[in-house]
Amino acid sequence: MTIDRLRRPRPSRWHVSLGAALLAGVSAVAANTGSASAHAAGQSWFLPGNLVVSRSVYVGKAGLLKPGVTVLPPGCTSGCAVASSNGSYPGVWNNDSVDGSFGITSPVFLDQVTPSGHLVNTLPVPAQPGTGPGSNADGSGHMVSSFSSKSELAMNLSTSGQNLTFMGYLAKPNTLDVSNSNTPGVIDLSNPVPGAYYRLVGQVDARGDFRFTKTNAYSGNNGRAAILNDSGDKPLYYMSGNAGNGGTPEPDGVILGAGAQIATPQSQPEREQRPGPPAPVGSFNITQLGDPADKIGKDTNFRGLTIFRNVVYFSKGSGGNGVNTVYFIDTTGKACPNGVGLPQPGASLPTSPIDYNRGALQAKGVTPYNMCILKGLPTALQSTTSFPFGIWFANARTLYVADEGNGDNTYSATSGRYTSAAAQTTAGLQKWVFNGTSWNLAYTLTAGLNLGVPYTVPGYPAGDNAATGLPWAPGTDGLRNITGRINPNGTVTVWGITSTVSGNGDQGADPNKLVAITDQPSASAPAAGESFRTVRAAANRQVLRGVSFTPGTSASGG
């Protein structure tokens, strides 16, 4: 959503030092996260006008895996592998070479920072049972992320601006291969990962109070983002993600559980929730463009998610199927007879799932199709130059799209750069301008990102990873999740989470950065000296994932 007229934050009484204690484990972090008594007295944890950054910390130890002994994926019965590396960070990610589904769950923390990057406080998600900030009020379950899954933990303000939402898993830290597991209500017997874990929508308000809602969506893959529509009589979640990790044909539940989903927030404890089947709220198929059908369900391998003027937008930027571009849900039925179009006047937010044709699922996916590619954005199949992620509208005529880059870690020892990343022209922050009939790319902001240039992370290994023959040191490849605000002078400032390339066994596990840039929406070219600046940087054993303004920050739809 568009952020305008930000209220000036009050001075915080909670100032947190992360220090070495943060890397010592969850308990050390939780012990330094602030004042429970202030929370109990009804005071806000989050202050209007600040940012919230989702961060995950790797807490695994060497003994988590035994090379040559630990079977991967866990519970595997055929076509299995054994670990090639132990659980020590970052070498543990070299296990990706033997297990294509490899991942390890890790705890999540919400860092409240000022727009300039000063740390205000840190909220664990969730901490141990209790009543202080970071508590899961009923004491049930643990919400975690899959540490190296780079598309997770997007942060989004609700339509009222009073709540933040994000997605993770109902599992404990240091659980293997959860991000490619089934969900308990959608079992795919062809999935090489036999485990089953619910995906979770997390919601937190200005007081720091959490609630969690289980879903059977995204079996075989991951939920990536959620937005709460809390402006009407019936609160609803819109969710973005991907499904499927098995063979073809996929079970009906996997097809139903991909892409754009809708769910009702739950108030009862996680252990008492009984989620039903997935509920798709949006569907797209490349046959709408006149292209031949590909793998069912993979055209909606969605990542980014936002709402602007009562329209829900999604981005697709990965996978071997479909179109990497920006989509929207058409609730009018008039926006895109041929798969490409513009939101229509009077559009309203969806309030129910698609009344789909069950008999057509295996042949056509979820029908009827009710999504469009935003006119002017890419329509090419399996693009090698377009990898959109975060989406932010500055106004009705200015759209910023983060492009995370191609992920190619080709490295030149001569230049000391990741050459493919450095040569990109579409990675970074794209600015799109609406001319009245179509959206057009004005320019792409990259100055200051130093695409492809390795940078140093204190405590991170130097030299090359023997398993890949490439440097451990990461370089920025583009941007993932973003948010922005309109400044009093008419400029906009956009904050983004960087993507990386490196010689790490899984580049999603690289310590990355939060960056910011200020742009003039009416400009046709970047201003002289316009450049990204680093606001915060992840430390060793950490990754940054999502960024949003705090609950209670003044927001509007346009």
Protein backbone atom coordinates (compact mmCIF):
# COMPACT_ATOMS: atom_id res chain seq x y z
CA MET A 1 0.00 0.00 0.00
CA THR A 2 1.00 3.60 -0.46
CA ILE A 3 2.37 5.34 2.63
CA ASP A 4 1.93 9.09 2.99
CA ARG A 5 2.01 11.73 5.72
CA LEU A 6 4.00 9.74 8.28
CA ARG A 7 3.59 10.72 11.89
CA ARG A 8 6.81 11.52 13.73
CA PRO A 9 7.71 8.60 16.04
CA ARG A 10 7.93 9.16 19.77
CA PRO A 11 11.29 8.48 21.41
CA SER A 12 11.44 4.79 22.31
CA ARG A 13 12.07 3.48 25.81
CA TRP A 14 13.36 0.22 24.38
CA HIS A 15 16.87 0.34 22.97
CA VAL A 16 18.30 -3.04 22.11
CA SER A 17 21.85 -4.18 21.69
CA LEU A 18 22.08 -7.25 19.50
CA GLY A 19 25.80 -7.80 19.90
CA ALA A 20 27.32 -11.22 20.22
CA ALA A 21 24.41 -12.47 22.29
CA LEU A 22 22.22 -12.50 19.21
CA LEU A 23 24.31 -15.20 17.59
CA ALA A 24 24.33 -17.31 20.71
CA GLY A 25 20.78 -18.52 20.12
CA VAL A 26 17.13 -17.77 20.55
CA SER A 27 17.16 -17.49 24.33
CA ALA A 28 19.92 -14.89 24.27
CA VAL A 29 18.03 -12.78 21.77
CA ALA A 30 14.76 -13.08 23.63
CA ALA A 31 16.45 -11.95 26.82
CA ASN A 32 17.41 -8.64 25.20
CA THR A 33 14.21 -7.66 23.44
CA GLY A 34 12.65 -5.07 25.71
CA SER A 35 10.28 -4.37 28.55
CA ALA A 36 7.40 -6.78 29.17
CA SER A 37 6.01 -4.47 31.85
CA ALA A 38 5.54 -1.67 29.32
CA HIS A 39 3.69 -4.06 27.05
CA ALA A 40 1.50 -5.27 29.90
CA ALA A 41 0.60 -1.67 30.71
CA GLY A 42 -1.01 -1.33 27.27
CA GLN A 43 1.69 0.74 25.62
CA SER A 44 2.64 0.27 21.99
CA TRP A 45 5.60 -1.85 21.03
CA PHE A 46 5.75 -0.45 17.50
CA LEU A 47 5.88 3.32 17.00
CA PRO A 48 4.23 5.03 14.01
CA GLY A 49 6.62 6.03 11.24
CA ASN A 50 9.26 3.39 11.93
CA LEU A 51 10.13 0.38 9.79
CA VAL A 52 9.82 -3.31 10.64
CA VAL A 53 12.36 -5.68 9.08
CA SER A 54 11.92 -9.45 9.29
CA ARG A 55 15.14 -11.27 10.05
CA SER A 56 16.01 -14.91 10.58
CA VAL A 57 18.97 -16.31 12.51
CA TYR A 58 20.61 -19.67 11.84
CA VAL A 59 20.88 -21.58 15.15
CA GLY A 60 22.06 -24.97 13.88
CA LYS A 61 25.22 -26.62 15.16
CA ALA A 62 27.78 -28.95 13.58
CA GLY A 63 26.09 -32.05 14.99
CA LEU A 64 22.79 -31.29 13.29
CA LEU A 65 23.92 -33.40 10.32
CA LYS A 66 26.53 -36.14 10.00
CA PRO A 67 28.28 -36.29 6.61
CA GLY A 68 27.89 -39.71 5.01
CA VAL A 69 25.30 -40.75 7.61
CA THR A 70 22.32 -38.37 7.80
CA VAL A 71 19.72 -39.43 5.22
CA LEU A 72 18.29 -36.64 3.08
CA PRO A 73 15.47 -35.79 2.70
CA PRO A 74 14.43 -36.87 6.22
CA GLY A 75 12.20 -39.95 6.10
CA CYS A 76 13.21 -40.68 2.52
CA THR A 77 12.57 -44.28 1.41
CA SER A 78 13.78 -44.27 -2.20
CA GLY A 79 16.20 -42.19 -4.26
CA CYS A 80 17.75 -40.95 -1.03
CA ALA A 81 21.05 -39.16 -0.44
CA VAL A 82 23.30 -38.67 2.56
CA ALA A 83 24.60 -35.39 3.90
CA SER A 84 27.81 -34.08 2.37
CA SER A 85 28.45 -31.47 5.08
CA ASN A 86 27.70 -31.09 8.78
CA GLY A 87 25.45 -28.45 10.31
CA SER A 88 28.09 -25.72 10.63
CA TYR A 89 27.25 -22.40 8.96
CA PRO A 90 27.71 -21.59 6.11
CA GLY A 91 29.11 -24.91 4.84
CA VAL A 92 25.85 -26.61 5.77
CA TRP A 93 24.27 -25.23 2.56
CA ASN A 94 26.59 -27.36 0.45
CA ASN A 95 24.08 -30.12 1.18
CA ASP A 96 21.96 -28.56 -1.57
CA SER A 97 24.14 -30.44 -4.04
CA VAL A 98 22.82 -33.81 -2.79
CA ASP A 99 19.31 -32.79 -1.69
CA GLY A 100 17.42 -30.45 -4.01
CA SER A 101 14.84 -29.82 -1.26
CA PHE A 102 17.41 -29.00 1.42
CA GLY A 103 16.48 -26.42 4.01
CA ILE A 104 16.67 -25.85 7.77
CA THR A 105 14.11 -23.94 9.80
CA SER A 106 15.21 -21.01 11.91
CA PRO A 107 13.62 -18.52 14.34
CA VAL A 108 12.27 -15.20 13.12
CA PHE A 109 12.71 -11.74 14.63
CA LEU A 110 11.03 -8.45 13.81
CA ASP A 111 13.48 -5.55 14.08
CA GLN A 112 11.92 -2.13 14.54
CA VAL A 113 14.23 0.48 13.06
CA THR A 114 13.95 4.15 12.28
CA PRO A 115 13.85 5.08 8.58
CA SER A 116 17.55 5.90 8.82
CA GLY A 117 18.33 2.46 10.25
CA HIS A 118 18.68 3.00 14.02
CA LEU A 119 17.56 -0.13 15.90
CA VAL A 120 14.68 0.58 18.30
CA ASN A 121 13.81 -2.93 19.52
CA THR A 122 13.51 -6.56 18.46
CA LEU A 123 10.43 -8.77 18.74
CA PRO A 124 10.82 -12.58 18.56
CA VAL A 125 8.19 -14.48 16.52
CA PRO A 126 7.03 -16.09 18.74
CA ALA A 127 9.07 -16.26 21.93
CA GLN A 128 8.49 -18.87 24.62
CA PRO A 129 4.99 -19.04 26.21
CA GLY A 130 4.22 -16.04 28.35
CA THR A 131 2.59 -12.63 28.31
CA GLY A 132 5.39 -10.29 27.25
CA PRO A 133 6.18 -8.93 23.79
CA GLY A 134 6.89 -11.77 21.40
CA SER A 135 4.66 -14.21 23.26
CA ASN A 136 2.39 -16.70 21.65
CA ALA A 137 -0.48 -16.04 24.04
CA ASP A 138 -1.73 -19.63 24.29
CA GLY A 139 1.78 -21.13 24.39
CA SER A 140 1.24 -23.44 21.41
CA GLY A 141 3.50 -24.03 18.47
CA HIS A 142 6.52 -22.35 17.01
CA MET A 143 6.49 -20.20 13.91
CA VAL A 144 9.72 -20.48 11.95
CA SER A 145 11.11 -19.67 8.53
CA SER A 146 13.23 -21.83 6.25
CA PHE A 147 16.53 -20.00 6.64
CA SER A 148 17.75 -20.15 3.06
CA SER A 149 14.34 -19.68 1.39
CA LYS A 150 14.85 -16.19 0.01
CA SER A 151 11.22 -15.60 -1.04
CA GLU A 152 9.77 -15.88 2.49
CA LEU A 153 8.79 -13.45 5.27
CA ALA A 154 7.51 -10.52 3.24
CA MET A 155 5.96 -7.92 5.59
CA ASN A 156 2.72 -6.14 4.71
CA LEU A 157 0.52 -3.63 6.49
CA SER A 158 -3.17 -4.50 6.58
CA THR A 159 -5.70 -2.42 4.67
CA SER A 160 -6.49 -0.49 7.89
CA GLY A 161 -2.79 -0.03 8.64
CA GLN A 162 -3.24 -1.51 12.12
CA ASN A 163 -1.68 -4.96 11.63
CA LEU A 164 1.36 -6.56 10.01
CA THR A 165 1.21 -9.97 8.34
CA PHE A 166 3.79 -12.48 7.12
CA MET A 167 4.07 -16.24 6.49
CA GLY A 168 6.07 -19.14 7.95
CA TYR A 169 5.70 -22.72 9.17
CA LEU A 170 4.32 -24.53 12.21
CA ALA A 171 7.53 -26.32 13.11
CA LYS A 172 10.48 -26.10 15.47
CA PRO A 173 13.88 -24.58 14.68
CA ASN A 174 16.46 -26.90 13.08
CA THR A 175 13.88 -29.04 11.29
CA LEU A 176 15.07 -30.25 7.89
CA ASP A 177 13.40 -29.71 4.50
CA VAL A 178 10.18 -28.15 5.82
CA SER A 179 9.91 -25.68 2.93
CA ASN A 180 9.34 -28.52 0.46
CA SER A 181 7.23 -30.69 2.75
CA ASN A 182 3.56 -31.49 2.24
CA THR A 183 0.88 -29.80 4.28
CA PRO A 184 -1.10 -32.19 6.53
CA GLY A 185 -4.31 -31.76 4.51
CA VAL A 186 -2.66 -32.10 1.07
CA ILE A 187 -0.39 -35.13 0.84
CA ASP A 188 1.48 -35.69 -2.43
CA LEU A 189 2.88 -39.23 -2.37
CA SER A 190 5.32 -38.35 -5.16
CA ASN A 191 6.94 -35.59 -3.08
CA PRO A 192 10.48 -36.75 -2.15
CA VAL A 193 10.02 -34.95 1.20
CA PRO A 194 7.49 -37.10 3.09
CA GLY A 195 7.07 -34.82 6.13
CA ALA A 196 3.96 -32.65 6.59
CA TYR A 197 3.84 -29.21 8.22
CA TYR A 198 1.20 -26.50 8.17
CA ARG A 199 2.01 -23.16 6.66
CA LEU A 200 1.14 -20.26 8.95
CA VAL A 201 -0.02 -16.69 8.52
CA GLY A 202 1.39 -14.53 11.30
CA GLN A 203 -0.28 -11.31 12.37
CA VAL A 204 1.03 -8.74 14.85
CA ASP A 205 -0.44 -5.43 16.03
CA ALA A 206 1.10 -2.25 17.46
CA ARG A 207 1.21 -3.76 20.97
CA GLY A 208 3.30 -6.66 19.75
CA ASP A 209 0.48 -9.20 20.17
CA PHE A 210 0.54 -12.14 17.77
CA ARG A 211 -2.07 -14.44 16.30
CA PHE A 212 -1.44 -17.32 13.92
CA THR A 213 -3.63 -19.04 11.34
CA LYS A 214 -2.85 -22.47 9.90
CA THR A 215 -3.40 -23.26 6.22
CA ASN A 216 -3.09 -26.34 4.00
CA ALA A 217 -2.13 -24.16 1.04
CA TYR A 218 1.32 -24.33 -0.57
CA SER A 219 1.88 -28.05 -0.06
CA GLY A 220 5.30 -28.98 -1.42
CA ASN A 221 6.51 -25.39 -1.43
CA ASN A 222 6.24 -22.16 0.52
CA GLY A 223 3.87 -19.40 1.46
CA ARG A 224 5.62 -16.10 0.84
CA ALA A 225 3.42 -13.16 1.72
CA ALA A 226 0.06 -12.28 3.24
CA ILE A 227 -2.05 -9.14 3.56
CA LEU A 228 -4.95 -8.75 5.96
CA ASN A 229 -8.07 -7.03 4.64
CA ASP A 230 -9.41 -5.68 7.94
CA SER A 231 -11.33 -2.69 6.59
CA GLY A 232 -14.69 -4.43 6.17
CA ASP A 233 -17.05 -6.51 8.27
CA LYS A 234 -15.25 -9.79 7.62
CA PRO A 235 -11.44 -9.85 7.94
CA LEU A 236 -9.67 -11.92 5.29
CA TYR A 237 -6.11 -12.85 4.38
CA TYR A 238 -4.83 -12.72 0.82
CA MET A 239 -1.75 -14.90 0.39
CA SER A 240 0.98 -15.43 -2.17
CA GLY A 241 3.14 -18.51 -2.72
CA ASN A 242 3.89 -21.65 -4.68
CA ALA A 243 2.95 -25.33 -4.42
CA GLY A 244 4.21 -28.68 -5.61
CA ASN A 245 7.43 -30.66 -5.19
CA GLY A 246 6.45 -33.96 -6.75
CA GLY A 247 5.67 -35.56 -10.06
CA THR A 248 2.97 -35.15 -12.67
CA PRO A 249 0.01 -35.38 -12.45
CA GLU A 250 -0.16 -33.35 -9.27
CA PRO A 251 -2.91 -34.05 -6.71
CA ASP A 252 -5.91 -31.74 -6.87
CA GLY A 253 -4.91 -30.22 -3.52
CA VAL A 254 -1.53 -29.12 -4.87
CA ILE A 255 -3.14 -27.45 -7.89
CA LEU A 256 -5.69 -25.76 -5.62
CA GLY A 257 -3.01 -24.70 -3.12
CA ALA A 258 -0.74 -22.71 -5.42
CA GLY A 259 -0.56 -18.99 -6.15
CA ALA A 260 -3.17 -16.58 -4.85
CA GLN A 261 -5.09 -17.83 -1.79
CA ILE A 262 -7.71 -16.47 0.60
CA ALA A 263 -8.28 -17.46 4.24
CA THR A 264 -10.19 -16.33 7.31
CA PRO A 265 -8.07 -15.31 10.33
CA GLN A 266 -8.45 -17.69 13.25
CA SER A 267 -8.69 -16.66 16.91
CA GLN A 268 -8.37 -20.06 18.59
CA PRO A 269 -4.99 -21.60 19.53
CA GLU A 270 -3.09 -23.32 16.73
CA ARG A 271 -3.65 -26.75 18.31
CA GLU A 272 -7.43 -26.25 18.08
CA GLN A 273 -7.50 -25.05 14.47
CA ARG A 274 -8.70 -27.51 11.81
CA PRO A 275 -7.99 -25.88 8.45
CA GLY A 276 -9.84 -27.14 5.41
CA PRO A 277 -8.60 -27.45 1.83
CA PRO A 278 -6.83 -24.56 0.10
CA ALA A 279 -9.03 -21.75 -1.22
CA PRO A 280 -7.72 -20.12 -4.43
CA VAL A 281 -8.82 -16.51 -4.88
CA GLY A 282 -6.96 -15.82 -8.14
CA SER A 283 -6.01 -17.93 -11.14
CA PHE A 284 -4.05 -17.33 -14.35
CA ASN A 285 -3.04 -19.61 -17.20
CA ILE A 286 -0.79 -18.75 -20.11
CA THR A 287 -3.44 -20.06 -22.49
CA GLN A 288 -5.17 -16.72 -21.83
CA LEU A 289 -2.34 -15.18 -23.90
CA GLY A 290 -2.73 -17.72 -26.70
CA ASP A 291 0.30 -19.73 -25.54
CA PRO A 292 0.13 -23.54 -25.22
CA ALA A 293 -0.52 -24.85 -21.71
CA ASP A 294 2.42 -25.84 -19.51
CA LYS A 295 2.58 -27.52 -16.10
CA ILE A 296 -0.70 -26.95 -14.29
CA GLY A 297 -0.39 -24.65 -11.26
CA LYS A 298 3.06 -23.27 -12.08
CA ASP A 299 1.78 -20.20 -13.92
CA THR A 300 0.87 -18.82 -10.48
CA ASN A 301 4.23 -19.28 -8.77
CA PHE A 302 3.72 -15.93 -7.06
CA ARG A 303 6.06 -13.93 -4.83
CA GLY A 304 5.31 -10.25 -4.33
CA LEU A 305 1.93 -9.07 -3.04
CA THR A 306 0.35 -5.65 -2.54
CA ILE A 307 -3.02 -3.88 -2.55
CA PHE A 308 -3.62 -0.56 -4.27
CA ARG A 309 -7.03 1.09 -4.69
CA ASN A 310 -8.99 -2.07 -3.91
CA VAL A 311 -7.01 -4.24 -6.32
CA VAL A 312 -4.75 -7.13 -5.26
CA TYR A 313 -1.47 -7.39 -7.19
CA PHE A 314 1.01 -10.26 -7.38
CA SER A 315 4.40 -10.78 -8.99
CA LYS A 316 5.97 -13.88 -10.49
CA GLY A 317 9.74 -13.93 -10.89
CA SER A 318 10.96 -17.52 -10.84
CA GLY A 319 10.35 -21.03 -12.12
CA GLY A 320 10.60 -22.68 -15.52
CA ASN A 321 6.98 -22.09 -16.47
CA GLY A 322 4.76 -19.11 -17.15
CA VAL A 323 5.45 -15.39 -17.41
CA ASN A 324 7.60 -13.44 -14.98
CA THR A 325 5.66 -10.22 -14.54
CA VAL A 326 3.05 -8.35 -12.45
CA TYR A 327 -0.55 -9.60 -12.22
CA PHE A 328 -3.79 -8.43 -10.63
CA ILE A 329 -7.09 -10.04 -9.64
CA ASP A 330 -10.00 -8.78 -11.73
CA THR A 331 -13.20 -8.79 -9.67
CA THR A 332 -15.18 -7.03 -12.42
CA GLY A 333 -14.75 -9.67 -15.12
CA LYS A 334 -14.09 -6.90 -17.65
CA ALA A 335 -10.41 -6.04 -17.32
CA CYS A 336 -8.64 -8.57 -19.51
CA PRO A 337 -10.49 -10.71 -22.06
CA ASN A 338 -7.11 -11.75 -23.52
CA GLY A 339 -5.06 -12.06 -20.32
CA VAL A 340 -3.64 -8.51 -20.35
CA GLY A 341 -5.40 -5.41 -19.10
CA LEU A 342 -5.92 -2.65 -16.56
CA PRO A 343 -8.00 -2.58 -13.35
CA GLN A 344 -11.50 -1.31 -14.01
CA PRO A 345 -13.24 1.56 -12.22
CA GLY A 346 -15.33 0.36 -9.32
CA ALA A 347 -13.25 -2.74 -8.69
CA SER A 348 -13.63 -4.19 -5.20
CA LEU A 349 -11.46 -6.48 -3.14
CA PRO A 350 -12.35 -10.18 -3.44
CA THR A 351 -14.34 -11.59 -0.53
CA SER A 352 -14.59 -15.28 -1.43
CA PRO A 353 -12.58 -18.00 -3.18
CA ILE A 354 -13.09 -18.95 -6.81
CA ASP A 355 -16.10 -21.19 -7.39
CA TYR A 356 -13.85 -23.49 -9.40
CA ASN A 357 -14.68 -26.35 -11.76
CA ARG A 358 -13.33 -29.42 -9.95
CA GLY A 359 -13.69 -31.57 -13.05
CA ALA A 360 -11.30 -29.33 -15.01
CA LEU A 361 -8.50 -29.12 -12.42
CA GLN A 362 -6.17 -31.68 -13.99
CA ALA A 363 -6.59 -30.33 -17.52
CA LYS A 364 -6.91 -26.58 -17.01
CA GLY A 365 -6.09 -25.85 -13.39
CA VAL A 366 -8.35 -23.56 -11.39
CA THR A 367 -11.07 -22.19 -13.64
CA PRO A 368 -12.56 -19.73 -14.30
CA TYR A 369 -9.42 -17.62 -14.70
CA ASN A 370 -9.77 -14.21 -13.08
CA MET A 371 -6.29 -12.65 -13.25
CA CYS A 372 -4.57 -10.36 -15.75
CA ILE A 373 -1.05 -9.26 -16.55
CA LEU A 374 -0.83 -5.52 -15.90
CA LYS A 375 -0.79 -3.89 -19.34
CA GLY A 376 2.69 -2.79 -20.40
CA LEU A 377 4.51 -5.22 -18.12
CA PRO A 378 6.39 -8.21 -19.66
CA THR A 379 4.39 -10.99 -21.35
CA ALA A 380 7.27 -13.17 -22.61
CA LEU A 381 7.39 -16.81 -21.54
CA GLN A 382 10.24 -18.02 -19.31
CA SER A 383 12.05 -14.71 -19.42
CA THR A 384 15.80 -14.66 -18.77
CA THR A 385 15.81 -10.92 -18.03
CA SER A 386 12.73 -10.30 -15.88
CA PHE A 387 12.61 -11.38 -12.22
CA PRO A 388 10.07 -9.13 -10.46
CA PHE A 389 9.56 -9.37 -6.72
CA GLY A 390 8.30 -6.51 -4.53
CA ILE A 391 5.66 -4.04 -5.78
CA TRP A 392 4.93 -0.51 -4.50
CA PHE A 393 2.64 2.15 -5.97
CA ALA A 394 3.71 5.72 -5.25
CA ASN A 395 0.51 6.94 -6.90
CA ALA A 396 -1.88 5.94 -9.67
CA ARG A 397 0.72 6.79 -12.33
CA THR A 398 3.96 5.64 -10.71
CA LEU A 399 4.79 2.04 -9.89
CA TYR A 400 8.07 0.72 -8.45
CA VAL A 401 8.92 -2.94 -9.03
CA ALA A 402 11.89 -4.67 -7.43
CA ASP A 403 13.78 -7.08 -9.70
CA GLU A 404 15.95 -9.56 -7.84
CA GLY A 405 18.28 -10.39 -10.72
CA ASN A 406 19.10 -13.57 -12.58
CA GLY A 407 20.93 -15.41 -9.79
CA ASP A 408 23.89 -16.22 -12.06
CA ASN A 409 27.04 -16.38 -9.93
CA THR A 410 29.57 -16.52 -12.79
CA TYR A 411 32.72 -14.98 -11.30
CA SER A 412 35.82 -13.41 -12.84
CA ALA A 413 38.98 -13.54 -10.77
CA THR A 414 40.43 -10.92 -13.12
CA SER A 415 37.79 -8.28 -12.44
CA GLY A 416 36.97 -9.54 -8.94
CA ARG A 417 33.23 -9.42 -9.76
CA TYR A 418 30.28 -11.67 -10.39
CA THR A 419 30.21 -10.71 -14.04
CA SER A 420 26.67 -11.72 -14.99
CA ALA A 421 25.21 -9.87 -12.00
CA ALA A 422 27.27 -6.78 -12.76
CA ALA A 423 26.13 -6.69 -16.39
CA GLN A 424 22.39 -6.73 -15.69
CA THR A 425 20.24 -3.85 -16.93
CA THR A 426 16.83 -4.75 -15.46
CA ALA A 427 17.83 -5.85 -11.93
CA GLY A 428 17.34 -3.32 -9.14
CA LEU A 429 14.40 -0.94 -8.72
CA GLN A 430 12.31 -0.46 -11.85
CA LYS A 431 10.16 2.64 -12.20
CA TRP A 432 7.05 2.23 -14.34
CA VAL A 433 4.91 5.19 -15.46
CA PHE A 434 1.28 5.06 -16.65
CA ASN A 435 0.53 7.14 -19.76
CA GLY A 436 -3.25 6.76 -19.63
CA THR A 437 -3.44 3.57 -21.67
CA SER A 438 -0.45 1.45 -20.63
CA TRP A 439 2.43 1.18 -18.17
CA ASN A 440 5.92 1.91 -19.51
CA LEU A 441 9.36 1.37 -18.01
CA ALA A 442 10.94 4.77 -17.37
CA TYR A 443 14.26 3.61 -15.91
CA THR A 444 15.87 1.15 -13.52
CA LEU A 445 17.71 2.39 -10.43
CA THR A 446 20.93 0.54 -9.64
CA ALA A 447 23.46 3.20 -8.53
CA GLY A 448 24.89 2.32 -5.13
CA LEU A 449 23.79 -1.32 -5.25
CA ASN A 450 27.20 -2.25 -6.68
CA LEU A 451 25.75 -5.19 -8.57
CA GLY A 452 28.11 -8.15 -8.65
CA VAL A 453 30.75 -6.58 -6.39
CA PRO A 454 31.69 -8.86 -3.44
CA TYR A 455 31.41 -7.33 0.02
CA THR A 456 32.78 -8.32 3.41
CA VAL A 457 30.66 -9.70 6.25
CA PRO A 458 32.46 -9.78 9.63
CA GLY A 459 32.87 -13.39 10.77
CA TYR A 460 31.93 -14.79 7.36
CA PRO A 461 34.53 -17.04 5.70
CA ALA A 462 37.13 -15.51 3.41
CA GLY A 463 38.45 -17.17 0.28
CA ASP A 464 36.62 -19.74 -1.80
CA ASN A 465 34.06 -22.40 -0.95
CA ALA A 466 35.84 -25.65 -1.84
CA ALA A 467 32.51 -27.24 -2.81
CA THR A 468 31.73 -24.65 -5.49
CA GLY A 469 35.15 -23.17 -6.29
CA LEU A 470 33.71 -19.66 -5.92
CA PRO A 471 34.18 -16.94 -3.29
CA TRP A 472 32.16 -17.10 -0.11
CA ALA A 473 31.79 -13.31 -0.20
CA PRO A 474 28.35 -12.31 -1.53
CA GLY A 475 27.59 -9.60 -4.06
CA THR A 476 24.26 -7.85 -4.59
CA ASP A 477 22.21 -9.24 -7.49
CA GLY A 478 19.06 -7.07 -7.23
CA LEU A 479 16.15 -6.36 -4.86
CA ARG A 480 13.38 -8.44 -3.32
CA ASN A 481 10.72 -7.03 -0.98
CA ILE A 482 10.19 -3.25 -0.89
CA THR A 483 8.10 -0.55 0.75
CA GLY A 484 7.97 3.20 0.31
CA ARG A 485 6.62 6.55 1.44
CA ILE A 486 5.76 9.90 -0.09
CA ASN A 487 7.90 12.66 1.42
CA PRO A 488 6.63 16.18 2.22
CA ASN A 489 8.60 17.63 -0.73
CA GLY A 490 6.92 15.28 -3.22
CA THR A 491 9.81 12.86 -3.59
CA VAL A 492 9.47 9.22 -2.58
CA THR A 493 11.80 7.04 -0.56
CA VAL A 494 11.83 3.31 -1.25
CA TRP A 495 13.40 0.74 1.09
CA GLY A 496 14.37 -2.67 -0.29
CA ILE A 497 15.90 -5.98 0.75
CA THR A 498 18.78 -7.06 -1.48
CA SER A 499 19.24 -10.40 -3.21
CA THR A 500 22.70 -11.91 -3.54
CA VAL A 501 24.98 -14.10 -5.60
CA SER A 502 27.98 -15.94 -4.15
CA GLY A 503 29.82 -19.24 -3.97
CA ASN A 504 27.61 -20.36 -1.09
CA GLY A 505 25.92 -23.72 -1.67
CA ASP A 506 22.60 -21.86 -1.42
CA GLN A 507 22.74 -18.15 -2.27
CA GLY A 508 19.53 -17.55 -0.34
CA ALA A 509 21.54 -18.08 2.84
CA ASP A 510 23.89 -15.14 2.24
CA PRO A 511 23.88 -12.23 4.72
CA ASN A 512 22.18 -9.45 2.75
CA LYS A 513 21.18 -5.80 3.24
CA LEU A 514 18.38 -3.27 3.70
CA VAL A 515 18.93 -0.35 1.31
CA ALA A 516 17.04 2.86 0.52
CA ILE A 517 16.84 5.40 -2.29
CA THR A 518 14.96 8.68 -2.82
CA ASP A 519 13.44 9.36 -6.24
CA GLN A 520 11.26 11.99 -7.91
CA PRO A 521 8.07 10.31 -9.24
CA SER A 522 7.62 12.87 -12.01
CA ALA A 523 11.20 12.53 -13.30
CA SER A 524 11.92 10.87 -16.65
CA ALA A 525 15.48 10.00 -15.63
CA PRO A 526 17.34 9.51 -12.33
CA ALA A 527 18.57 12.71 -10.69
CA ALA A 528 22.27 13.44 -10.60
CA GLY A 529 23.81 11.63 -7.67
CA GLU A 530 20.70 9.54 -6.99
CA SER A 531 21.96 6.38 -5.33
CA PHE A 532 21.06 3.58 -2.96
CA ARG A 533 22.45 3.75 0.57
CA THR A 534 22.82 0.84 2.98
CA VAL A 535 20.45 1.24 5.93
CA ARG A 536 21.22 -2.03 7.74
CA ALA A 537 23.25 -5.12 6.94
CA ALA A 538 22.66 -8.70 8.09
CA ALA A 539 25.41 -10.10 10.27
CA ASN A 540 27.01 -13.51 9.93
CA ARG A 541 24.37 -16.29 10.37
CA GLN A 542 21.56 -13.84 9.60
CA VAL A 543 19.34 -12.98 6.63
CA LEU A 544 16.93 -10.08 6.09
CA ARG A 545 13.67 -10.85 4.30
CA GLY A 546 10.82 -8.31 4.45
CA VAL A 547 10.31 -4.62 5.19
CA SER A 548 7.20 -2.59 6.02
CA PHE A 549 6.14 0.42 8.00
CA THR A 550 4.96 -0.23 11.55
CA PRO A 551 1.33 -0.89 12.51
CA GLY A 552 -0.40 2.43 13.13
CA THR A 553 1.61 4.30 10.51
CA SER A 554 -0.71 6.53 8.49
CA ALA A 555 -1.51 4.84 5.19
CA SER A 556 -3.91 5.26 2.28
CA GLY A 557 -4.71 3.44 -0.90
CA GLY A 558 -3.63 6.26 -3.19
